[in-house]
C-alpha atoms as a PDB file:
ATOM      1  CA  MET A   1      -9.713  10.813  35.428  1.00  0.00           C
ATOM      2  CA  ARG A   2     -10.290   9.395  38.908  1.00  0.00           C
ATOM      3  CA  ALA A   3      -9.439  10.816  42.333  1.00  0.00           C
ATOM      4  CA  ILE A   4      -7.572   9.067  45.132  1.00  0.00           C
ATOM      5  CA  GLN A   5      -7.074  10.220  48.701  1.00  0.00           C
ATOM      6  CA  ASP A   6      -3.455  10.349  49.790  1.00  0.00           C
ATOM      7  CA  PRO A   7      -3.351   9.784  53.569  1.00  0.00           C
ATOM      8  CA  ALA A   8      -0.422  12.174  53.835  1.00  0.00           C
ATOM      9  CA  LEU A   9      -2.266  14.975  52.050  1.00  0.00           C
ATOM     10  CA  PRO A  10      -5.512  16.730  52.941  1.00  0.00           C
ATOM     11  CA  HIS A  11      -6.618  17.016  49.326  1.00  0.00           C
ATOM     12  CA  LEU A  12      -7.530  14.733  46.504  1.00  0.00           C
ATOM     13  CA  VAL A  13      -4.886  13.775  43.923  1.00  0.00           C
ATOM     14  CA  TRP A  14      -6.213  13.497  40.384  1.00  0.00           C
ATOM     15  CA  LEU A  15      -4.663  10.818  38.224  1.00  0.00           C
ATOM     16  CA  HIS A  16      -4.879  10.767  34.440  1.00  0.00           C
ATOM     17  CA  PRO A  17      -6.032   7.358  33.062  1.00  0.00           C
ATOM     18  CA  ALA A  18      -2.705   6.948  31.279  1.00  0.00           C
ATOM     19  CA  MET A  19      -1.024   6.974  34.714  1.00  0.00           C
ATOM     20  CA  THR A  20      -3.269   4.318  36.224  1.00  0.00           C
ATOM     21  CA  GLU A  21      -4.339   2.020  33.399  1.00  0.00           C
ATOM     22  CA  PRO A  22      -1.915  -0.279  31.571  1.00  0.00           C
ATOM     23  CA  ALA A  23      -1.533   0.352  27.846  1.00  0.00           C
ATOM     24  CA  ARG A  24      -3.471  -2.036  25.633  1.00  0.00           C
ATOM     25  CA  PRO A  25      -1.106  -4.504  23.951  1.00  0.00           C
ATOM     26  CA  PRO A  26      -0.746  -4.065  20.177  1.00  0.00           C
ATOM     27  CA  SER A  27      -3.095  -6.084  18.009  1.00  0.00           C
ATOM     28  CA  LEU A  28      -3.308  -7.111  14.370  1.00  0.00           C
ATOM     29  CA  THR A  29      -6.742  -5.475  14.280  1.00  0.00           C
ATOM     30  CA  ASP A  30      -4.951  -2.124  14.613  1.00  0.00           C
ATOM     31  CA  LEU A  31      -3.616  -2.678  11.082  1.00  0.00           C
ATOM     32  CA  PRO A  32      -5.951  -1.928   8.139  1.00  0.00           C
ATOM     33  CA  PHE A  33      -4.843  -5.031   6.239  1.00  0.00           C
ATOM     34  CA  PHE A  34      -6.337  -7.335   8.893  1.00  0.00           C
ATOM     35  CA  ARG A  35      -9.533  -5.513   9.774  1.00  0.00           C
ATOM     36  CA  GLY A  36     -12.634  -7.581   9.192  1.00  0.00           C
ATOM     37  CA  ALA A  37     -10.719 -10.851   8.998  1.00  0.00           C
ATOM     38  CA  ASP A  38     -11.993 -13.999  10.708  1.00  0.00           C
ATOM     39  CA  ALA A  39     -11.289 -13.849  14.456  1.00  0.00           C
ATOM     40  CA  ALA A  40     -10.011 -17.429  14.653  1.00  0.00           C
ATOM     41  CA  ALA A  41      -7.615 -16.871  11.739  1.00  0.00           C
ATOM     42  CA  LEU A  42      -6.342 -13.657  13.324  1.00  0.00           C
ATOM     43  CA  GLU A  43      -5.825 -15.354  16.663  1.00  0.00           C
ATOM     44  CA  LYS A  44      -3.696 -18.032  15.014  1.00  0.00           C
ATOM     45  CA  LEU A  45      -1.697 -15.421  13.081  1.00  0.00           C
ATOM     46  CA  SER A  46      -1.230 -13.278  16.200  1.00  0.00           C
ATOM     47  CA  ALA A  47       0.501 -16.193  17.908  1.00  0.00           C
ATOM     48  CA  ALA A  48       3.192 -16.116  15.195  1.00  0.00           C
ATOM     49  CA  ALA A  49       3.579 -12.325  15.081  1.00  0.00           C
ATOM     50  CA  ARG A  50       6.083 -10.324  17.076  1.00  0.00           C
ATOM     51  CA  TRP A  51       6.334  -6.567  17.659  1.00  0.00           C
ATOM     52  CA  ARG A  52       9.427  -4.391  17.473  1.00  0.00           C
ATOM     53  CA  THR A  53      10.187  -0.710  18.014  1.00  0.00           C
ATOM     54  CA  VAL A  54      12.947   0.885  15.917  1.00  0.00           C
ATOM     55  CA  GLU A  55      14.541   4.329  16.183  1.00  0.00           C
ATOM     56  CA  PRO A  56      15.241   6.835  13.369  1.00  0.00           C
ATOM     57  CA  GLY A  57      18.219   5.725  11.289  1.00  0.00           C
ATOM     58  CA  GLN A  58      18.034   2.125  12.480  1.00  0.00           C
ATOM     59  CA  VAL A  59      18.294  -0.513   9.755  1.00  0.00           C
ATOM     60  CA  VAL A  60      15.248  -2.782   9.697  1.00  0.00           C
ATOM     61  CA  VAL A  61      16.384  -5.104   6.909  1.00  0.00           C
ATOM     62  CA  ASP A  62      19.473  -4.920   4.743  1.00  0.00           C
ATOM     63  CA  GLU A  63      20.000  -5.665   1.078  1.00  0.00           C
ATOM     64  CA  ASP A  64      20.754  -9.360   0.368  1.00  0.00           C
ATOM     65  CA  GLU A  65      19.646 -10.353   3.874  1.00  0.00           C
ATOM     66  CA  PRO A  66      18.157 -13.887   3.740  1.00  0.00           C
ATOM     67  CA  SER A  67      15.169 -13.211   6.035  1.00  0.00           C
ATOM     68  CA  THR A  68      11.654 -13.663   4.609  1.00  0.00           C
ATOM     69  CA  ASP A  69       9.433 -12.029   7.254  1.00  0.00           C
ATOM     70  CA  ILE A  70       6.839  -9.463   6.215  1.00  0.00           C
ATOM     71  CA  PHE A  71       6.697  -6.160   8.130  1.00  0.00           C
ATOM     72  CA  PHE A  72       3.633  -4.047   8.905  1.00  0.00           C
ATOM     73  CA  VAL A  73       4.108  -0.445  10.056  1.00  0.00           C
ATOM     74  CA  ALA A  74       1.818   0.257  13.021  1.00  0.00           C
ATOM     75  CA  THR A  75       3.262   3.723  13.726  1.00  0.00           C
ATOM     76  CA  GLY A  76       6.119   5.754  12.268  1.00  0.00           C
ATOM     77  CA  ALA A  77       7.688   5.421   8.826  1.00  0.00           C
ATOM     78  CA  VAL A  78      10.487   3.612   6.975  1.00  0.00           C
ATOM     79  CA  ARG A  79      12.411   4.263   3.790  1.00  0.00           C
ATOM     80  CA  VAL A  80      13.371   1.718   1.113  1.00  0.00           C
ATOM     81  CA  GLN A  81      16.511   2.423  -0.894  1.00  0.00           C
ATOM     82  CA  LEU A  82      19.291   0.892  -2.960  1.00  0.00           C
ATOM     83  CA  ARG A  83      22.975   1.757  -2.572  1.00  0.00           C
ATOM     84  CA  ALA A  84      25.511   1.335  -5.369  1.00  0.00           C
ATOM     85  CA  ALA A  85      29.170   0.496  -4.733  1.00  0.00           C
ATOM     86  CA  SER A  86      29.958   4.115  -5.632  1.00  0.00           C
ATOM     87  CA  GLY A  87      27.883   5.267  -2.662  1.00  0.00           C
ATOM     88  CA  ARG A  88      25.065   6.648  -4.771  1.00  0.00           C
ATOM     89  CA  GLU A  89      21.597   5.982  -3.385  1.00  0.00           C
ATOM     90  CA  VAL A  90      18.278   5.435  -5.136  1.00  0.00           C
ATOM     91  CA  LEU A  91      15.216   6.003  -2.983  1.00  0.00           C
ATOM     92  CA  LEU A  92      12.550   3.513  -4.004  1.00  0.00           C
ATOM     93  CA  ASN A  93       9.686   4.143  -1.589  1.00  0.00           C
ATOM     94  CA  GLU A  94       8.546   5.139   1.881  1.00  0.00           C
ATOM     95  CA  PHE A  95       5.945   3.371   4.008  1.00  0.00           C
ATOM     96  CA  GLY A  96       3.972   4.854   6.874  1.00  0.00           C
ATOM     97  CA  ALA A  97       1.412   3.681   9.382  1.00  0.00           C
ATOM     98  CA  GLY A  98      -0.886   0.987   7.994  1.00  0.00           C
ATOM     99  CA  GLU A  99       1.423   0.007   5.124  1.00  0.00           C
ATOM    100  CA  PHE A 100       3.685  -3.023   4.779  1.00  0.00           C
ATOM    101  CA  PHE A 101       6.903  -4.140   3.120  1.00  0.00           C
ATOM    102  CA  GLY A 102       8.950  -7.294   2.631  1.00  0.00           C
ATOM    103  CA  GLU A 103       6.207  -9.170   0.808  1.00  0.00           C
ATOM    104  CA  LEU A 104       8.435 -10.079  -2.160  1.00  0.00           C
ATOM    105  CA  SER A 105      10.844 -12.129  -0.041  1.00  0.00           C
ATOM    106  CA  ALA A 106       7.876 -13.611   1.828  1.00  0.00           C
ATOM    107  CA  ILE A 107       6.411 -14.766  -1.485  1.00  0.00           C
ATOM    108  CA  ASP A 108       9.459 -16.027  -3.369  1.00  0.00           C
ATOM    109  CA  GLY A 109      11.950 -16.717  -0.564  1.00  0.00           C
ATOM    110  CA  ALA A 110      14.713 -14.731  -2.283  1.00  0.00           C
ATOM    111  CA  PRO A 111      17.080 -12.428  -0.337  1.00  0.00           C
ATOM    112  CA  ARG A 112      16.072  -8.829   0.277  1.00  0.00           C
ATOM    113  CA  ALA A 113      16.318  -6.629  -2.801  1.00  0.00           C
ATOM    114  CA  ALA A 114      16.820  -3.331  -0.926  1.00  0.00           C
ATOM    115  CA  ASN A 115      17.736  -1.698   2.363  1.00  0.00           C
ATOM    116  CA  VAL A 116      14.951  -0.544   4.716  1.00  0.00           C
ATOM    117  CA  THR A 117      15.708   2.077   7.367  1.00  0.00           C
ATOM    118  CA  ALA A 118      13.449   3.795   9.899  1.00  0.00           C
ATOM    119  CA  ILE A 119      12.985   7.533   9.297  1.00  0.00           C
ATOM    120  CA  ALA A 120      10.927   8.010  12.468  1.00  0.00           C
ATOM    121  CA  ARG A 121      10.466   6.093  15.681  1.00  0.00           C
ATOM    122  CA  SER A 122       8.375   3.183  14.441  1.00  0.00           C
ATOM    123  CA  ARG A 123       6.397   0.279  15.831  1.00  0.00           C
ATOM    124  CA  LEU A 124       6.535  -2.731  13.515  1.00  0.00           C
ATOM    125  CA  CYS A 125       4.606  -5.981  13.429  1.00  0.00           C
ATOM    126  CA  ILE A 126       6.748  -8.803  12.027  1.00  0.00           C
ATOM    127  CA  ILE A 127       5.108 -11.956  10.693  1.00  0.00           C
ATOM    128  CA  PRO A 128       6.954 -15.054   9.389  1.00  0.00           C
ATOM    129  CA  ALA A 129       6.383 -15.729   5.710  1.00  0.00           C
ATOM    130  CA  GLN A 130       4.823 -19.170   6.180  1.00  0.00           C
ATOM    131  CA  ALA A 131       2.236 -17.918   8.683  1.00  0.00           C
ATOM    132  CA  PHE A 132       1.412 -14.855   6.575  1.00  0.00           C
ATOM    133  CA  LEU A 133       0.975 -16.820   3.346  1.00  0.00           C
ATOM    134  CA  ALA A 134      -1.194 -19.422   5.061  1.00  0.00           C
ATOM    135  CA  PHE A 135      -3.445 -16.606   6.289  1.00  0.00           C
ATOM    136  CA  VAL A 136      -3.593 -14.975   2.838  1.00  0.00           C
ATOM    137  CA  PHE A 137      -4.389 -18.244   1.046  1.00  0.00           C
ATOM    138  CA  ALA A 138      -7.224 -18.906   3.497  1.00  0.00           C
ATOM    139  CA  THR A 139      -8.617 -15.340   3.401  1.00  0.00           C
ATOM    140  CA  PRO A 140      -9.818 -14.105  -0.012  1.00  0.00           C
ATOM    141  CA  THR A 141     -10.137 -10.466   1.111  1.00  0.00           C
ATOM    142  CA  ALA A 142      -6.540 -10.473   2.359  1.00  0.00           C
ATOM    143  CA  CYS A 143      -5.368 -12.115  -0.871  1.00  0.00           C
ATOM    144  CA  HIS A 144      -7.118  -9.426  -2.892  1.00  0.00           C
ATOM    145  CA  ALA A 145      -5.637  -6.677  -0.702  1.00  0.00           C
ATOM    146  CA  LEU A 146      -2.142  -8.096  -1.210  1.00  0.00           C
ATOM    147  CA  LEU A 147      -2.624  -8.248  -4.981  1.00  0.00           C
ATOM    148  CA  ARG A 148      -3.934  -4.657  -5.089  1.00  0.00           C
ATOM    149  CA  THR A 149      -0.923  -3.444  -3.111  1.00  0.00           C
ATOM    150  CA  LEU A 150       1.522  -5.280  -5.360  1.00  0.00           C
ATOM    151  CA  ALA A 151      -0.184  -3.809  -8.427  1.00  0.00           C
ATOM    152  CA  ALA A 152       0.006  -0.277  -6.988  1.00  0.00           C
ATOM    153  CA  LYS A 153       3.719  -0.653  -6.192  1.00  0.00           C
ATOM    154  CA  LEU A 154       4.437  -2.017  -9.660  1.00  0.00           C
ATOM    155  CA  ARG A 155       2.545   0.849 -11.293  1.00  0.00           C
ATOM    156  CA  LEU A 156       4.493   3.400  -9.240  1.00  0.00           C
ATOM    157  CA  GLN A 157       7.846   1.864 -10.160  1.00  0.00           C
ATOM    158  CA  THR A 158       6.822   1.695 -13.825  1.00  0.00           C
ATOM    159  CA  GLU A 159       5.842   5.357 -13.710  1.00  0.00           C
ATOM    160  CA  ARG A 160       9.135   6.357 -12.116  1.00  0.00           C
ATOM    161  CA  THR A 161      11.175   4.277 -14.543  1.00  0.00           C
ATOM    162  CA  LEU A 162       9.526   6.008 -17.493  1.00  0.00           C
ATOM    163  CA  GLU A 163      10.109   9.414 -15.923  1.00  0.00           C
ATOM    164  CA  ARG A 164      13.801   8.718 -15.350  1.00  0.00           C
ATOM    165  CA  GLU A 165      14.258   7.557 -18.931  1.00  0.00           C
ATOM    166  CA  ALA A 166      12.087  10.126 -20.682  1.00  0.00           C
ATOM    167  CA  LEU A 167      12.157  13.351 -18.647  1.00  0.00           C
ATOM    168  CA  PRO A 168      14.850  15.948 -18.012  1.00  0.00           C
ATOM    169  CA  VAL A 169      15.716  16.704 -14.388  1.00  0.00           C
ATOM    170  CA  ARG A 170      13.330  19.650 -14.120  1.00  0.00           C
ATOM    171  CA  LEU A 171      10.301  17.658 -15.215  1.00  0.00           C
ATOM    172  CA  ARG A 172      11.324  14.760 -12.981  1.00  0.00           C
ATOM    173  CA  LEU A 173      11.395  17.244 -10.106  1.00  0.00           C
ATOM    174  CA  PHE A 174       7.991  18.587 -11.126  1.00  0.00           C
ATOM    175  CA  SER A 175       6.555  15.086 -11.084  1.00  0.00           C
ATOM    176  CA  GLU A 176       8.106  14.060  -7.758  1.00  0.00           C
ATOM    177  CA  LEU A 177       7.122  17.273  -5.974  1.00  0.00           C
ATOM    178  CA  LEU A 178       3.552  16.865  -7.191  1.00  0.00           C
ATOM    179  CA  ARG A 179       3.597  13.250  -5.977  1.00  0.00           C
ATOM    180  CA  LEU A 180       4.833  14.303  -2.525  1.00  0.00           C
ATOM    181  CA  SER A 181       2.479  17.257  -2.185  1.00  0.00           C
ATOM    182  CA  ARG A 182      -0.952  17.750  -0.687  1.00  0.00           C
ATOM    183  CA  PRO A 183      -3.557  20.483  -1.357  1.00  0.00           C
ATOM    184  CA  ARG A 184      -2.810  23.768   0.378  1.00  0.00           C
ATOM    185  CA  ALA A 185      -5.573  24.683   2.832  1.00  0.00           C
ATOM    186  CA  GLY A 186      -7.568  27.662   1.604  1.00  0.00           C
ATOM    187  CA  VAL A 187      -5.687  27.936  -1.709  1.00  0.00           C
ATOM    188  CA  PRO A 188      -7.088  25.327  -4.120  1.00  0.00           C
ATOM    189  CA  SER A 189      -4.749  26.371  -6.941  1.00  0.00           C
ATOM    190  CA  GLU A 190      -1.638  25.500  -4.904  1.00  0.00           C
ATOM    191  CA  ARG A 191      -0.129  22.410  -3.314  1.00  0.00           C
ATOM    192  CA  VAL A 192       2.411  22.105  -0.513  1.00  0.00           C
ATOM    193  CA  VAL A 193       5.249  19.736   0.438  1.00  0.00           C
ATOM    194  CA  SER A 194       5.886  19.923   4.171  1.00  0.00           C
ATOM    195  CA  PRO A 195       8.369  19.388   5.645  1.00  0.00           C
ATOM    196  CA  PRO A 196      10.548  20.025   2.583  1.00  0.00           C
ATOM    197  CA  PRO A 197      12.770  17.038   1.768  1.00  0.00           C
ATOM    198  CA  PRO A 198      16.552  17.629   1.737  1.00  0.00           C
ATOM    199  CA  HIS A 199      18.094  18.127  -1.678  1.00  0.00           C
ATOM    200  CA  HIS A 200      20.066  14.893  -1.512  1.00  0.00           C
ATOM    201  CA  GLU A 201      16.841  13.000  -0.790  1.00  0.00           C
ATOM    202  CA  LEU A 202      15.061  14.556  -3.774  1.00  0.00           C
ATOM    203  CA  ALA A 203      18.081  13.656  -5.900  1.00  0.00           C
ATOM    204  CA  ALA A 204      17.863  10.021  -4.742  1.00  0.00           C
ATOM    205  CA  ARG A 205      14.156   9.968  -5.547  1.00  0.00           C
ATOM    206  CA  ILE A 206      14.563  11.103  -9.159  1.00  0.00           C
ATOM    207  CA  GLY A 207      17.961   9.633 -10.033  1.00  0.00           C
ATOM    208  CA  ALA A 208      19.923  12.898 -10.237  1.00  0.00           C
ATOM    209  CA  ARG A 209      22.874  14.530  -8.504  1.00  0.00           C
ATOM    210  CA  ARG A 210      22.269  16.736  -5.482  1.00  0.00           C
ATOM    211  CA  GLU A 211      24.038  19.720  -7.075  1.00  0.00           C
ATOM    212  CA  VAL A 212      21.785  19.548 -10.122  1.00  0.00           C
ATOM    213  CA  VAL A 213      18.660  19.355  -7.956  1.00  0.00           C
ATOM    214  CA  SER A 214      19.784  22.345  -5.867  1.00  0.00           C
ATOM    215  CA  ARG A 215      20.366  24.419  -8.990  1.00  0.00           C
ATOM    216  CA  GLU A 216      17.013  23.468 -10.508  1.00  0.00           C
ATOM    217  CA  LEU A 217      15.124  24.290  -7.308  1.00  0.00           C
ATOM    218  CA  SER A 218      16.755  27.715  -7.156  1.00  0.00           C
ATOM    219  CA  GLU A 219      15.860  28.437 -10.782  1.00  0.00           C
ATOM    220  CA  MET A 220      12.298  27.149 -10.329  1.00  0.00           C
ATOM    221  CA  THR A 221      11.887  29.471  -7.353  1.00  0.00           C
ATOM    222  CA  ARG A 222      13.216  32.504  -9.277  1.00  0.00           C
ATOM    223  CA  GLU A 223      10.876  31.708 -12.175  1.00  0.00           C
ATOM    224  CA  GLY A 224       7.805  31.555  -9.913  1.00  0.00           C
ATOM    225  CA  TRP A 225       7.119  27.832 -10.015  1.00  0.00           C
ATOM    226  CA  LEU A 226       7.767  27.415  -6.290  1.00  0.00           C
ATOM    227  CA  ALA A 227       7.936  29.369  -3.042  1.00  0.00           C
ATOM    228  CA  ARG A 228      10.254  27.876  -0.419  1.00  0.00           C
ATOM    229  CA  ASP A 229      11.131  28.317   3.217  1.00  0.00           C
ATOM    230  CA  ARG A 230      12.370  26.058   6.015  1.00  0.00           C
ATOM    231  CA  ARG A 231       8.881  24.726   6.707  1.00  0.00           C
ATOM    232  CA  ALA A 232       7.506  23.969   3.251  1.00  0.00           C
ATOM    233  CA  ILE A 233       7.740  24.060  -0.511  1.00  0.00           C
ATOM    234  CA  ARG A 234       4.653  25.666  -2.042  1.00  0.00           C
ATOM    235  CA  ILE A 235       3.866  24.657  -5.605  1.00  0.00           C
ATOM    236  CA  LEU A 236       2.404  27.778  -7.214  1.00  0.00           C
ATOM    237  CA  ARG A 237       1.716  26.677 -10.802  1.00  0.00           C
ATOM    238  CA  VAL A 238       0.257  23.217 -10.300  1.00  0.00           C
ATOM    239  CA  ALA A 239      -1.767  22.942 -13.510  1.00  0.00           C
ATOM    240  CA  GLU A 240       1.150  24.095 -15.666  1.00  0.00           C
ATOM    241  CA  MET A 241       3.490  21.591 -14.049  1.00  0.00           C
ATOM    242  CA  GLN A 242       1.031  18.750 -14.594  1.00  0.00           C
ATOM    243  CA  ALA A 243       0.498  19.762 -18.219  1.00  0.00           C
ATOM    244  CA  LEU A 244       4.232  19.921 -18.999  1.00  0.00           C
ATOM    245  CA  VAL A 245       4.896  16.464 -17.514  1.00  0.00           C
ATOM    246  CA  ALA A 246       1.897  14.912 -19.243  1.00  0.00           C
ATOM    247  CA  ALA A 247       2.831  16.441 -22.616  1.00  0.00           C
ATOM    248  CA  GLU A 248       6.313  14.948 -22.405  1.00  0.00           C
ATOM    249  CA  LEU A 249       5.130  11.483 -21.389  1.00  0.00           C
ATOM    250  CA  ARG A 250       1.999  11.161 -23.507  1.00  0.00           C
ATOM    251  CA  ALA A 251       2.513   9.278 -26.758  1.00  0.00           C
ATOM    252  CA  PRO A 252       1.447  11.233 -29.859  1.00  0.00           C
ATOM    253  CA  ALA A 253      -1.766  10.154 -31.500  1.00  0.00           C
ATOM    254  CA  ALA A 254      -1.324   7.790 -34.447  1.00  0.00           C
END
């Protein structure tokens, strides 16, 4: 803080730095993907980038849209989903700060394969496909990072596809809750999902109906698998859940 003397007042007025210093403009170096890249290459890419703030519920890109820009999430979070003509939704993924989406259209030029909507107030960096690909082709570390991300997304979708085909609803719920959870502080045998996702969102994640998910969650709570309140879902029998899912998915030995 610094003090200024107001001529109309006999005392000092203390101003917080945020009130007196302009905010630093956003930079590509704020994004993990670009850290450590060549300064000249980043400067050239920055000239092509633009920044956008979106509010919760705002559509960022829509399915079949012809745009090919790639989007980096600086702050906030977005959700990727598909909608059938019947109105049923399939939730494919969520991306938070430091992650990116839209790389498929940037690479192959095809229309968007899914809808992307903000689920929190988000600051996005938008880079045209041509500028992004030129940077990636000239920067081996960025190329490797892009390939690793694509591989991770493909593995996740492969995992979910197998679960939807091979597992009953309860085990699909087990798997998704474990995926969404984090260790519970002070209780190493438990994990927690907080805030708890709405039932319709869980249903969209695992390819089930909301009513079925609601019934399963109630039964799982009565049977001691979970403890639930408005703030969190606590997973009480983590090891047993993991073992049941693995046993169903693991191929028998020849």
